[in-house]
């Protein structure tokens, strides 16, 4: 893992320990955005992992999706799953 990816993971962990308990447990997606970020940074590195995390965070609003939205495997297109866990309703390129 690159030093930048490691630093970003430390920031996410800091968020999980400090601010996350006050935000509440109202996550629209599984895994949670912070856990998604940690996994994306581990699998894809700092640049692509950050991009995937930003895309996920941008979908976290009342008109966004919900449900199971895993980090894509390296070498595959990003996918967004909306609706009940496991029910694929919409795919993004």
PDB file of N, CA and C in Angstrom:
ATOM      1  N   UNK A   1       0.859  -1.168   0.000  1.00  0.00           N
ATOM      2  CA  UNK A   1       0.000   0.000   0.000  1.00  0.00           C
ATOM      3  C   UNK A   1       0.908   1.234   0.000  1.00  0.00           C
ATOM      4  N   UNK A   2       0.548   2.209  -0.810  1.00  0.00           N
ATOM      5  CA  UNK A   2       1.353   3.425  -0.914  1.00  0.00           C
ATOM      6  C   UNK A   2       1.255   4.252   0.374  1.00  0.00           C
ATOM      7  N   UNK A   3       2.237   5.103   0.608  1.00  0.00           N
ATOM      8  CA  UNK A   3       2.172   5.971   1.789  1.00  0.00           C
ATOM      9  C   UNK A   3       0.926   6.862   1.795  1.00  0.00           C
ATOM     10  N   UNK A   4       0.516   7.346   0.614  1.00  0.00           N
ATOM     11  CA  UNK A   4      -0.686   8.181   0.545  1.00  0.00           C
ATOM     12  C   UNK A   4      -1.930   7.382   0.911  1.00  0.00           C
ATOM     13  N   UNK A   5      -2.049   6.161   0.391  1.00  0.00           N
ATOM     14  CA  UNK A   5      -3.196   5.310   0.731  1.00  0.00           C
ATOM     15  C   UNK A   5      -3.210   5.012   2.230  1.00  0.00           C
ATOM     16  N   UNK A   6      -2.045   4.751   2.790  1.00  0.00           N
ATOM     17  CA  UNK A   6      -1.960   4.493   4.232  1.00  0.00           C
ATOM     18  C   UNK A   6      -2.407   5.731   5.017  1.00  0.00           C
ATOM     19  N   UNK A   7      -1.953   6.907   4.622  1.00  0.00           N
ATOM     20  CA  UNK A   7      -2.346   8.152   5.290  1.00  0.00           C
ATOM     21  C   UNK A   7      -3.862   8.362   5.207  1.00  0.00           C
ATOM     22  N   UNK A   8      -4.444   8.112   4.034  1.00  0.00           N
ATOM     23  CA  UNK A   8      -5.898   8.267   3.880  1.00  0.00           C
ATOM     24  C   UNK A   8      -6.653   7.272   4.753  1.00  0.00           C
ATOM     25  N   UNK A   9      -6.132   6.055   4.886  1.00  0.00           N
ATOM     26  CA  UNK A   9      -6.756   5.068   5.767  1.00  0.00           C
ATOM     27  C   UNK A   9      -6.720   5.552   7.215  1.00  0.00           C
ATOM     28  N   UNK A  10      -5.608   6.176   7.622  1.00  0.00           N
ATOM     29  CA  UNK A  10      -5.510   6.716   8.976  1.00  0.00           C
ATOM     30  C   UNK A  10      -6.567   7.803   9.185  1.00  0.00           C
ATOM     31  N   UNK A  11      -6.792   8.648   8.179  1.00  0.00           N
ATOM     32  CA  UNK A  11      -7.829   9.678   8.285  1.00  0.00           C
ATOM     33  C   UNK A  11      -9.218   9.061   8.449  1.00  0.00           C
ATOM     34  N   UNK A  12      -9.501   8.024   7.663  1.00  0.00           N
ATOM     35  CA  UNK A  12     -10.807   7.354   7.761  1.00  0.00           C
ATOM     36  C   UNK A  12     -10.965   6.701   9.129  1.00  0.00           C
ATOM     37  N   UNK A  13      -9.926   6.042   9.600  1.00  0.00           N
ATOM     38  CA  UNK A  13      -9.978   5.431  10.938  1.00  0.00           C
ATOM     39  C   UNK A  13     -10.199   6.496  12.005  1.00  0.00           C
ATOM     40  N   UNK A  14      -9.551   7.648  11.847  1.00  0.00           N
ATOM     41  CA  UNK A  14      -9.762   8.759  12.776  1.00  0.00           C
ATOM     42  C   UNK A  14     -11.206   9.210  12.780  1.00  0.00           C
ATOM     43  N   UNK A  15     -11.810   9.292  11.593  1.00  0.00           N
ATOM     44  CA  UNK A  15     -13.231   9.638  11.496  1.00  0.00           C
ATOM     45  C   UNK A  15     -14.077   8.593  12.224  1.00  0.00           C
ATOM     46  N   UNK A  16     -13.772   7.315  12.001  1.00  0.00           N
ATOM     47  CA  UNK A  16     -14.555   6.254  12.639  1.00  0.00           C
ATOM     48  C   UNK A  16     -14.482   6.332  14.161  1.00  0.00           C
ATOM     49  N   UNK A  17     -13.350   6.706  14.694  1.00  0.00           N
ATOM     50  CA  UNK A  17     -13.178   6.761  16.143  1.00  0.00           C
ATOM     51  C   UNK A  17     -13.707   8.047  16.767  1.00  0.00           C
ATOM     52  N   UNK A  18     -13.753   9.142  15.996  1.00  0.00           N
ATOM     53  CA  UNK A  18     -14.109  10.434  16.595  1.00  0.00           C
ATOM     54  C   UNK A  18     -15.500  10.923  16.207  1.00  0.00           C
ATOM     55  N   UNK A  19     -15.781  11.038  14.929  1.00  0.00           N
ATOM     56  CA  UNK A  19     -17.034  11.647  14.475  1.00  0.00           C
ATOM     57  C   UNK A  19     -18.156  10.653  14.201  1.00  0.00           C
ATOM     58  N   UNK A  20     -17.811   9.487  13.721  1.00  0.00           N
ATOM     59  CA  UNK A  20     -18.831   8.510  13.341  1.00  0.00           C
ATOM     60  C   UNK A  20     -19.826   8.187  14.456  1.00  0.00           C
ATOM     61  N   UNK A  21     -19.393   8.038  15.713  1.00  0.00           N
ATOM     62  CA  UNK A  21     -20.365   7.744  16.769  1.00  0.00           C
ATOM     63  C   UNK A  21     -21.422   8.840  16.945  1.00  0.00           C
ATOM     64  N   UNK A  22     -21.095  10.064  16.568  1.00  0.00           N
ATOM     65  CA  UNK A  22     -22.039  11.175  16.719  1.00  0.00           C
ATOM     66  C   UNK A  22     -22.937  11.352  15.503  1.00  0.00           C
ATOM     67  N   UNK A  23     -22.530  10.813  14.362  1.00  0.00           N
ATOM     68  CA  UNK A  23     -23.316  10.939  13.133  1.00  0.00           C
ATOM     69  C   UNK A  23     -24.558  10.059  13.216  1.00  0.00           C
ATOM     70  N   UNK A  24     -24.429   8.931  13.857  1.00  0.00           N
ATOM     71  CA  UNK A  24     -25.576   8.032  14.003  1.00  0.00           C
ATOM     72  C   UNK A  24     -25.446   6.815  13.109  1.00  0.00           C
ATOM     73  N   UNK A  25     -26.424   5.969  13.196  1.00  0.00           N
ATOM     74  CA  UNK A  25     -26.423   4.705  12.459  1.00  0.00           C
ATOM     75  C   UNK A  25     -27.502   4.731  11.387  1.00  0.00           C
ATOM     76  N   UNK A  26     -27.424   5.687  10.510  1.00  0.00           N
ATOM     77  CA  UNK A  26     -28.430   5.845   9.463  1.00  0.00           C
ATOM     78  C   UNK A  26     -27.836   5.613   8.083  1.00  0.00           C
ATOM     79  N   UNK A  27     -27.024   4.614   7.936  1.00  0.00           N
ATOM     80  CA  UNK A  27     -26.333   4.359   6.673  1.00  0.00           C
ATOM     81  C   UNK A  27     -27.311   3.846   5.625  1.00  0.00           C
ATOM     82  N   UNK A  28     -27.210   4.406   4.433  1.00  0.00           N
ATOM     83  CA  UNK A  28     -28.056   4.004   3.316  1.00  0.00           C
ATOM     84  C   UNK A  28     -27.504   2.762   2.631  1.00  0.00           C
ATOM     85  N   UNK A  29     -26.212   2.548   2.763  1.00  0.00           N
ATOM     86  CA  UNK A  29     -25.546   1.471   2.040  1.00  0.00           C
ATOM     87  C   UNK A  29     -24.866   0.508   2.999  1.00  0.00           C
ATOM     88  N   UNK A  30     -24.626  -0.679   2.509  1.00  0.00           N
ATOM     89  CA  UNK A  30     -23.785  -1.661   3.179  1.00  0.00           C
ATOM     90  C   UNK A  30     -22.714  -2.061   2.193  1.00  0.00           C
ATOM     91  N   UNK A  31     -21.466  -2.042   2.527  1.00  0.00           N
ATOM     92  CA  UNK A  31     -20.911  -1.607   3.798  1.00  0.00           C
ATOM     93  C   UNK A  31     -21.035  -0.095   3.975  1.00  0.00           C
ATOM     94  N   UNK A  32     -20.842   0.373   5.200  1.00  0.00           N
ATOM     95  CA  UNK A  32     -20.922   1.804   5.467  1.00  0.00           C
ATOM     96  C   UNK A  32     -19.883   2.537   4.626  1.00  0.00           C
ATOM     97  N   UNK A  33     -20.072   3.826   4.434  1.00  0.00           N
ATOM     98  CA  UNK A  33     -19.149   4.600   3.596  1.00  0.00           C
ATOM     99  C   UNK A  33     -17.716   4.562   4.116  1.00  0.00           C
ATOM    100  N   UNK A  34     -17.542   4.617   5.433  1.00  0.00           N
ATOM    101  CA  UNK A  34     -16.172   4.589   5.951  1.00  0.00           C
ATOM    102  C   UNK A  34     -15.537   3.212   5.754  1.00  0.00           C
ATOM    103  N   UNK A  35     -16.293   2.149   5.937  1.00  0.00           N
ATOM    104  CA  UNK A  35     -15.748   0.814   5.673  1.00  0.00           C
ATOM    105  C   UNK A  35     -15.505   0.610   4.181  1.00  0.00           C
ATOM    106  N   UNK A  36     -16.377   1.165   3.345  1.00  0.00           N
ATOM    107  CA  UNK A  36     -16.184   1.138   1.896  1.00  0.00           C
ATOM    108  C   UNK A  36     -14.870   1.831   1.550  1.00  0.00           C
ATOM    109  N   UNK A  37     -14.620   3.001   2.151  1.00  0.00           N
ATOM    110  CA  UNK A  37     -13.394   3.757   1.890  1.00  0.00           C
ATOM    111  C   UNK A  37     -12.159   2.943   2.266  1.00  0.00           C
ATOM    112  N   UNK A  38     -12.178   2.309   3.427  1.00  0.00           N
ATOM    113  CA  UNK A  38     -11.032   1.504   3.853  1.00  0.00           C
ATOM    114  C   UNK A  38     -10.764   0.367   2.873  1.00  0.00           C
ATOM    115  N   UNK A  39     -11.811  -0.302   2.443  1.00  0.00           N
ATOM    116  CA  UNK A  39     -11.654  -1.412   1.509  1.00  0.00           C
ATOM    117  C   UNK A  39     -11.209  -0.916   0.136  1.00  0.00           C
ATOM    118  N   UNK A  40     -11.781   0.196  -0.328  1.00  0.00           N
ATOM    119  CA  UNK A  40     -11.405   0.748  -1.633  1.00  0.00           C
ATOM    120  C   UNK A  40      -9.939   1.169  -1.640  1.00  0.00           C
ATOM    121  N   UNK A  41      -9.482   1.793  -0.569  1.00  0.00           N
ATOM    122  CA  UNK A  41      -8.082   2.198  -0.486  1.00  0.00           C
ATOM    123  C   UNK A  41      -7.162   0.983  -0.455  1.00  0.00           C
ATOM    124  N   UNK A  42      -7.564  -0.072   0.234  1.00  0.00           N
ATOM    125  CA  UNK A  42      -6.750  -1.285   0.301  1.00  0.00           C
ATOM    126  C   UNK A  42      -6.681  -1.992  -1.049  1.00  0.00           C
ATOM    127  N   UNK A  43      -7.816  -2.093  -1.726  1.00  0.00           N
ATOM    128  CA  UNK A  43      -7.876  -2.826  -2.987  1.00  0.00           C
ATOM    129  C   UNK A  43      -7.333  -2.035  -4.176  1.00  0.00           C
ATOM    130  N   UNK A  44      -7.580  -0.719  -4.191  1.00  0.00           N
ATOM    131  CA  UNK A  44      -7.309   0.064  -5.388  1.00  0.00           C
ATOM    132  C   UNK A  44      -6.242   1.133  -5.228  1.00  0.00           C
ATOM    133  N   UNK A  45      -5.756   1.358  -4.020  1.00  0.00           N
ATOM    134  CA  UNK A  45      -4.753   2.385  -3.813  1.00  0.00           C
ATOM    135  C   UNK A  45      -5.365   3.754  -3.592  1.00  0.00           C
ATOM    136  N   UNK A  46      -4.507   4.758  -3.456  1.00  0.00           N
ATOM    137  CA  UNK A  46      -4.949   6.092  -3.051  1.00  0.00           C
ATOM    138  C   UNK A  46      -5.820   6.786  -4.096  1.00  0.00           C
ATOM    139  N   UNK A  47      -5.417   6.768  -5.351  1.00  0.00           N
ATOM    140  CA  UNK A  47      -6.125   7.543  -6.378  1.00  0.00           C
ATOM    141  C   UNK A  47      -7.474   6.919  -6.711  1.00  0.00           C
ATOM    142  N   UNK A  48      -7.477   5.688  -7.188  1.00  0.00           N
ATOM    143  CA  UNK A  48      -8.748   5.037  -7.563  1.00  0.00           C
ATOM    144  C   UNK A  48      -9.620   4.790  -6.331  1.00  0.00           C
ATOM    145  N   UNK A  49      -9.010   4.418  -5.218  1.00  0.00           N
ATOM    146  CA  UNK A  49      -9.779   4.199  -3.990  1.00  0.00           C
ATOM    147  C   UNK A  49     -10.474   5.472  -3.530  1.00  0.00           C
ATOM    148  N   UNK A  50      -9.772   6.600  -3.638  1.00  0.00           N
ATOM    149  CA  UNK A  50     -10.383   7.885  -3.280  1.00  0.00           C
ATOM    150  C   UNK A  50     -11.524   8.222  -4.234  1.00  0.00           C
ATOM    151  N   UNK A  51     -11.309   7.985  -5.526  1.00  0.00           N
ATOM    152  CA  UNK A  51     -12.353   8.256  -6.518  1.00  0.00           C
ATOM    153  C   UNK A  51     -13.603   7.417  -6.227  1.00  0.00           C
ATOM    154  N   UNK A  52     -13.420   6.141  -5.966  1.00  0.00           N
ATOM    155  CA  UNK A  52     -14.565   5.280  -5.662  1.00  0.00           C
ATOM    156  C   UNK A  52     -15.284   5.753  -4.397  1.00  0.00           C
ATOM    157  N   UNK A  53     -14.525   6.183  -3.406  1.00  0.00           N
ATOM    158  CA  UNK A  53     -15.121   6.681  -2.160  1.00  0.00           C
ATOM    159  C   UNK A  53     -15.903   7.961  -2.398  1.00  0.00           C
ATOM    160  N   UNK A  54     -15.358   8.871  -3.188  1.00  0.00           N
ATOM    161  CA  UNK A  54     -16.066  10.113  -3.505  1.00  0.00           C
ATOM    162  C   UNK A  54     -17.354   9.812  -4.252  1.00  0.00           C
ATOM    163  N   UNK A  55     -17.307   8.876  -5.193  1.00  0.00           N
ATOM    164  CA  UNK A  55     -18.532   8.480  -5.922  1.00  0.00           C
ATOM    165  C   UNK A  55     -19.576   7.938  -4.951  1.00  0.00           C
ATOM    166  N   UNK A  56     -19.137   7.106  -4.016  1.00  0.00           N
ATOM    167  CA  UNK A  56     -20.068   6.532  -3.037  1.00  0.00           C
ATOM    168  C   UNK A  56     -20.675   7.626  -2.184  1.00  0.00           C
ATOM    169  N   UNK A  57     -19.838   8.536  -1.661  1.00  0.00           N
ATOM    170  CA  UNK A  57     -20.333   9.626  -0.815  1.00  0.00           C
ATOM    171  C   UNK A  57     -21.301  10.527  -1.581  1.00  0.00           C
ATOM    172  N   UNK A  58     -21.078  10.711  -2.863  1.00  0.00           N
ATOM    173  CA  UNK A  58     -21.960  11.571  -3.650  1.00  0.00           C
ATOM    174  C   UNK A  58     -23.345  10.948  -3.846  1.00  0.00           C
ATOM    175  N   UNK A  59     -23.454   9.645  -3.663  1.00  0.00           N
ATOM    176  CA  UNK A  59     -24.756   8.972  -3.775  1.00  0.00           C
ATOM    177  C   UNK A  59     -25.489   8.909  -2.441  1.00  0.00           C
ATOM    178  N   UNK A  60     -24.885   9.396  -1.383  1.00  0.00           N
ATOM    179  CA  UNK A  60     -25.484   9.318  -0.058  1.00  0.00           C
ATOM    180  C   UNK A  60     -26.315  10.567   0.204  1.00  0.00           C
ATOM    181  N   UNK A  61     -27.524  10.560  -0.316  1.00  0.00           N
ATOM    182  CA  UNK A  61     -28.475  11.657  -0.135  1.00  0.00           C
ATOM    183  C   UNK A  61     -29.877  11.076  -0.263  1.00  0.00           C
ATOM    184  N   UNK A  62     -30.900  11.813   0.104  1.00  0.00           N
ATOM    185  CA  UNK A  62     -32.259  11.250   0.117  1.00  0.00           C
ATOM    186  C   UNK A  62     -32.731  10.680  -1.215  1.00  0.00           C
ATOM    187  N   UNK A  63     -32.207  11.187  -2.333  1.00  0.00           N
ATOM    188  CA  UNK A  63     -32.645  10.696  -3.637  1.00  0.00           C
ATOM    189  C   UNK A  63     -31.654   9.713  -4.227  1.00  0.00           C
ATOM    190  N   UNK A  64     -30.631   9.367  -3.466  1.00  0.00           N
ATOM    191  CA  UNK A  64     -29.620   8.421  -3.930  1.00  0.00           C
ATOM    192  C   UNK A  64     -30.091   6.997  -3.726  1.00  0.00           C
ATOM    193  N   UNK A  65     -29.192   6.072  -3.982  1.00  0.00           N
ATOM    194  CA  UNK A  65     -29.531   4.664  -3.841  1.00  0.00           C
ATOM    195  C   UNK A  65     -29.465   4.205  -2.396  1.00  0.00           C
ATOM    196  N   UNK A  66     -29.629   2.914  -2.245  1.00  0.00           N
ATOM    197  CA  UNK A  66     -29.540   2.303  -0.936  1.00  0.00           C
ATOM    198  C   UNK A  66     -29.344   0.811  -1.153  1.00  0.00           C
ATOM    199  N   UNK A  67     -28.906   0.121  -0.148  1.00  0.00           N
ATOM    200  CA  UNK A  67     -28.728  -1.326  -0.221  1.00  0.00           C
ATOM    201  C   UNK A  67     -27.275  -1.737  -0.260  1.00  0.00           C
ATOM    202  N   UNK A  68     -27.028  -2.907  -0.803  1.00  0.00           N
ATOM    203  CA  UNK A  68     -25.695  -3.484  -0.848  1.00  0.00           C
ATOM    204  C   UNK A  68     -24.925  -2.884  -2.024  1.00  0.00           C
ATOM    205  N   UNK A  69     -23.769  -2.298  -1.727  1.00  0.00           N
ATOM    206  CA  UNK A  69     -22.942  -1.639  -2.731  1.00  0.00           C
ATOM    207  C   UNK A  69     -21.484  -1.947  -2.424  1.00  0.00           C
ATOM    208  N   UNK A  70     -20.989  -3.098  -2.865  1.00  0.00           N
ATOM    209  CA  UNK A  70     -19.624  -3.500  -2.528  1.00  0.00           C
ATOM    210  C   UNK A  70     -18.584  -2.739  -3.348  1.00  0.00           C
ATOM    211  N   UNK A  71     -17.365  -2.731  -2.869  1.00  0.00           N
ATOM    212  CA  UNK A  71     -16.241  -2.179  -3.619  1.00  0.00           C
ATOM    213  C   UNK A  71     -15.975  -3.116  -4.790  1.00  0.00           C
ATOM    214  N   UNK A  72     -15.873  -2.567  -6.009  1.00  0.00           N
ATOM    215  CA  UNK A  72     -15.597  -3.453  -7.143  1.00  0.00           C
ATOM    216  C   UNK A  72     -14.202  -4.061  -7.040  1.00  0.00           C
ATOM    217  N   UNK A  73     -14.060  -5.229  -7.597  1.00  0.00           N
ATOM    218  CA  UNK A  73     -12.747  -5.875  -7.618  1.00  0.00           C
ATOM    219  C   UNK A  73     -11.845  -5.126  -8.600  1.00  0.00           C
ATOM    220  N   UNK A  74     -10.551  -5.116  -8.351  1.00  0.00           N
ATOM    221  CA  UNK A  74      -9.636  -4.462  -9.295  1.00  0.00           C
ATOM    222  C   UNK A  74      -9.795  -5.055 -10.695  1.00  0.00           C
ATOM    223  N   UNK A  75      -9.801  -4.178 -11.686  1.00  0.00           N
ATOM    224  CA  UNK A  75      -9.932  -4.618 -13.070  1.00  0.00           C
ATOM    225  C   UNK A  75     -11.364  -4.750 -13.551  1.00  0.00           C
ATOM    226  N   UNK A  76     -12.347  -4.439 -12.700  1.00  0.00           N
ATOM    227  CA  UNK A  76     -13.744  -4.508 -13.124  1.00  0.00           C
ATOM    228  C   UNK A  76     -14.349  -3.108 -13.065  1.00  0.00           C
ATOM    229  N   UNK A  77     -15.413  -2.918 -13.804  1.00  0.00           N
ATOM    230  CA  UNK A  77     -16.101  -1.633 -13.803  1.00  0.00           C
ATOM    231  C   UNK A  77     -16.821  -1.442 -12.477  1.00  0.00           C
ATOM    232  N   UNK A  78     -16.933  -0.190 -12.054  1.00  0.00           N
ATOM    233  CA  UNK A  78     -17.668   0.129 -10.818  1.00  0.00           C
ATOM    234  C   UNK A  78     -19.131  -0.204 -11.022  1.00  0.00           C
ATOM    235  N   UNK A  79     -19.755  -0.725  -9.982  1.00  0.00           N
ATOM    236  CA  UNK A  79     -21.151  -1.124 -10.064  1.00  0.00           C
ATOM    237  C   UNK A  79     -21.902  -0.552  -8.885  1.00  0.00           C
ATOM    238  N   UNK A  80     -23.103  -0.130  -9.130  1.00  0.00           N
ATOM    239  CA  UNK A  80     -23.942   0.417  -8.070  1.00  0.00           C
ATOM    240  C   UNK A  80     -25.180  -0.450  -7.964  1.00  0.00           C
ATOM    241  N   UNK A  81     -25.452  -0.943  -6.784  1.00  0.00           N
ATOM    242  CA  UNK A  81     -26.629  -1.776  -6.566  1.00  0.00           C
ATOM    243  C   UNK A  81     -27.599  -0.995  -5.698  1.00  0.00           C
ATOM    244  N   UNK A  82     -28.789  -0.759  -6.220  1.00  0.00           N
ATOM    245  CA  UNK A  82     -29.808  -0.024  -5.480  1.00  0.00           C
ATOM    246  C   UNK A  82     -30.907  -0.990  -5.078  1.00  0.00           C
ATOM    247  N   UNK A  83     -31.566  -0.680  -3.988  1.00  0.00           N
ATOM    248  CA  UNK A  83     -32.698  -1.485  -3.558  1.00  0.00           C
ATOM    249  C   UNK A  83     -32.311  -2.412  -2.437  1.00  0.00           C
ATOM    250  N   UNK A  84     -33.149  -3.408  -2.168  1.00  0.00           N
ATOM    251  CA  UNK A  84     -32.876  -4.330  -1.077  1.00  0.00           C
ATOM    252  C   UNK A  84     -31.548  -5.035  -1.281  1.00  0.00           C
ATOM    253  N   UNK A  85     -30.927  -5.423  -0.196  1.00  0.00           N
ATOM    254  CA  UNK A  85     -29.619  -6.068  -0.255  1.00  0.00           C
ATOM    255  C   UNK A  85     -29.630  -7.203  -1.267  1.00  0.00           C
ATOM    256  N   UNK A  86     -28.700  -7.116  -2.231  1.00  0.00           N
ATOM    257  CA  UNK A  86     -28.566  -8.160  -3.210  1.00  0.00           C
ATOM    258  C   UNK A  86     -29.435  -8.002  -4.442  1.00  0.00           C
ATOM    259  N   UNK A  87     -30.359  -7.075  -4.459  1.00  0.00           N
ATOM    260  CA  UNK A  87     -31.243  -6.898  -5.610  1.00  0.00           C
ATOM    261  C   UNK A  87     -30.663  -5.821  -6.519  1.00  0.00           C
ATOM    262  N   UNK A  88     -30.145  -6.221  -7.653  1.00  0.00           N
ATOM    263  CA  UNK A  88     -29.532  -5.272  -8.585  1.00  0.00           C
ATOM    264  C   UNK A  88     -30.620  -4.622  -9.438  1.00  0.00           C
ATOM    265  N   UNK A  89     -30.740  -3.313  -9.319  1.00  0.00           N
ATOM    266  CA  UNK A  89     -31.732  -2.585 -10.094  1.00  0.00           C
ATOM    267  C   UNK A  89     -31.097  -1.649 -11.108  1.00  0.00           C
ATOM    268  N   UNK A  90     -29.872  -1.246 -10.881  1.00  0.00           N
ATOM    269  CA  UNK A  90     -29.245  -0.238 -11.716  1.00  0.00           C
ATOM    270  C   UNK A  90     -27.750  -0.482 -11.750  1.00  0.00           C
ATOM    271  N   UNK A  91     -27.189  -0.413 -12.917  1.00  0.00           N
ATOM    272  CA  UNK A  91     -25.741  -0.581 -13.067  1.00  0.00           C
ATOM    273  C   UNK A  91     -25.162   0.664 -13.680  1.00  0.00           C
ATOM    274  N   UNK A  92     -24.021   1.083 -13.180  1.00  0.00           N
ATOM    275  CA  UNK A  92     -23.313   2.225 -13.743  1.00  0.00           C
ATOM    276  C   UNK A  92     -22.071   1.708 -14.442  1.00  0.00           C
ATOM    277  N   UNK A  93     -21.674   2.330 -15.541  1.00  0.00           N
ATOM    278  CA  UNK A  93     -20.451   1.886 -16.237  1.00  0.00           C
ATOM    279  C   UNK A  93     -19.218   2.170 -15.433  1.00  0.00           C
TER     280      UNK A  93
END
